[in-house]
Protein backbone atom coordinates (compact mmCIF):
# COMPACT_ATOMS: atom_id res chain seq x y z
CA MET A 1 40.47 -2.93 12.42
CA PHE A 2 36.70 -2.66 12.75
CA GLU A 3 35.14 -0.36 15.29
CA LYS A 4 32.60 -1.88 17.66
CA LEU A 5 29.06 -0.80 16.78
CA THR A 6 25.94 -0.57 18.89
CA ARG A 7 22.39 -1.19 17.73
CA PHE A 8 19.29 0.66 18.88
CA GLU A 9 15.84 -0.33 17.66
CA THR A 10 12.65 1.63 18.17
CA ASN A 11 9.40 -0.12 19.07
CA ASP A 12 6.31 0.68 21.12
CA LYS A 13 8.22 0.11 24.40
CA THR A 14 11.39 2.15 23.75
CA THR A 15 12.09 5.86 24.05
CA PRO A 16 11.88 7.19 21.42
CA ALA A 17 9.14 4.80 20.35
CA THR A 18 7.66 3.80 17.02
CA ALA A 19 6.30 6.99 15.43
CA TYR A 20 2.78 7.07 14.02
CA TYR A 21 1.76 9.68 11.45
CA ARG A 22 -1.58 10.74 9.94
CA ASN A 23 0.02 10.72 6.51
CA THR A 24 0.10 8.47 3.47
CA TYR A 25 3.14 6.35 2.71
CA GLU A 26 4.14 8.73 -0.10
CA GLN A 27 4.04 11.73 2.28
CA VAL A 28 6.10 9.86 4.88
CA LYS A 29 8.57 8.77 2.20
CA ALA A 30 9.14 12.41 1.19
CA ALA A 31 9.51 13.38 4.87
CA ILE A 32 12.13 10.65 5.39
CA TYR A 33 14.26 12.06 2.57
CA GLU A 34 13.94 15.64 3.85
CA SER A 35 14.55 14.65 7.48
CA ALA A 36 17.67 12.70 6.55
CA ARG A 37 19.09 15.82 4.88
CA GLU A 38 18.21 17.93 7.92
CA ILE A 39 20.19 15.71 10.30
CA GLY A 40 23.18 15.64 7.94
CA ALA A 41 22.55 12.22 6.41
CA GLU A 42 21.52 10.85 3.04
CA VAL A 43 19.11 8.15 1.92
CA LYS A 44 21.43 5.75 0.10
CA SER A 45 18.70 3.37 -1.02
CA HIS A 46 15.05 2.60 -0.54
CA ASN A 47 12.76 -0.28 -1.45
CA ASP A 48 9.11 0.59 -2.04
CA ASP A 49 8.07 -3.08 -1.96
CA HIS A 50 9.32 -3.50 1.62
CA ARG A 51 9.09 0.22 2.49
CA GLU A 52 12.66 0.26 3.83
CA PHE A 53 15.18 3.10 3.66
CA LEU A 54 18.94 2.92 4.26
CA ILE A 55 20.10 6.27 5.65
CA LYS A 56 23.81 6.95 6.10
CA GLY A 57 25.27 9.71 8.23
CA LYS A 58 28.87 10.48 9.08
CA ASN A 59 29.15 8.00 11.97
CA TYR A 60 25.92 6.04 11.81
CA GLU A 61 23.47 4.15 9.66
CA ILE A 62 19.70 4.07 10.04
CA MET A 63 17.38 1.46 8.59
CA ALA A 64 13.93 3.07 8.56
CA THR A 65 10.87 0.93 7.89
CA ALA A 66 7.49 2.50 7.13
CA PHE A 67 4.39 0.43 7.89
CA ARG A 68 1.07 1.34 6.29
CA ILE A 69 -1.52 1.05 9.08
CA THR A 70 -4.40 2.45 6.99
CA MET A 71 -4.52 4.47 3.79
CA LEU A 72 -3.99 7.65 5.83
CA GLU A 73 -1.83 6.36 8.68
CA THR A 74 1.79 5.24 8.53
CA ALA A 75 4.15 4.09 11.29
CA VAL A 76 7.95 4.35 11.19
CA ASP A 77 10.45 2.17 13.06
CA LEU A 78 14.20 2.74 13.10
CA VAL A 79 17.28 0.59 13.61
CA VAL A 80 20.33 2.76 14.34
CA MET A 81 23.84 1.30 14.03
CA ASN A 82 26.61 3.51 15.37
CA PRO A 83 29.91 3.53 17.28
CA VAL A 84 29.74 2.81 21.01
CA LEU A 85 30.44 6.42 22.00
CA ARG A 86 27.48 7.93 20.11
CA PRO A 87 24.09 6.95 21.57
CA GLY A 88 21.63 5.56 19.01
CA LYS A 89 18.74 6.99 21.02
CA LYS A 90 19.94 10.53 20.29
CA VAL A 91 20.22 9.80 16.57
CA ALA A 92 16.70 8.33 16.53
CA ALA A 93 15.31 11.25 18.54
CA SER A 94 16.84 13.85 16.20
CA PHE A 95 15.47 12.00 13.17
CA PHE A 96 11.97 11.81 14.66
CA ASP A 97 12.15 15.52 15.62
CA ALA A 98 12.90 16.34 11.98
CA MET A 99 10.02 14.10 10.88
CA LYS A 100 7.58 15.97 13.16
CA LYS A 101 8.21 19.18 11.19
CA ARG A 102 7.10 17.51 7.96
CA THR A 103 4.27 15.21 9.05
CA GLN A 104 1.17 15.07 11.23
CA PRO A 105 2.10 12.95 14.25
CA LYS A 106 -0.73 10.90 15.70
């Protein structure tokens, strides 16, 4: 039987919100891979054309999308799918905390 999942999406009005970085897409891409490892997850696939990353952890999945704002500014939005008992906000916050160590937040 399937477990009920919840969905949490970041945007400019949520907490945590869309994250903006003073980094190129390539730098943010590398930070996404390293941050996924830090939180105990793995990037299962990514698409450079759409700038999307599928990140799988033990009890959750994250779809990260990187938006190029300018050549030196990139934004990242997350969609976290997880079981009801594990808040998606906490998963998103821990991922963004790991990203802060590897990027220059705006």
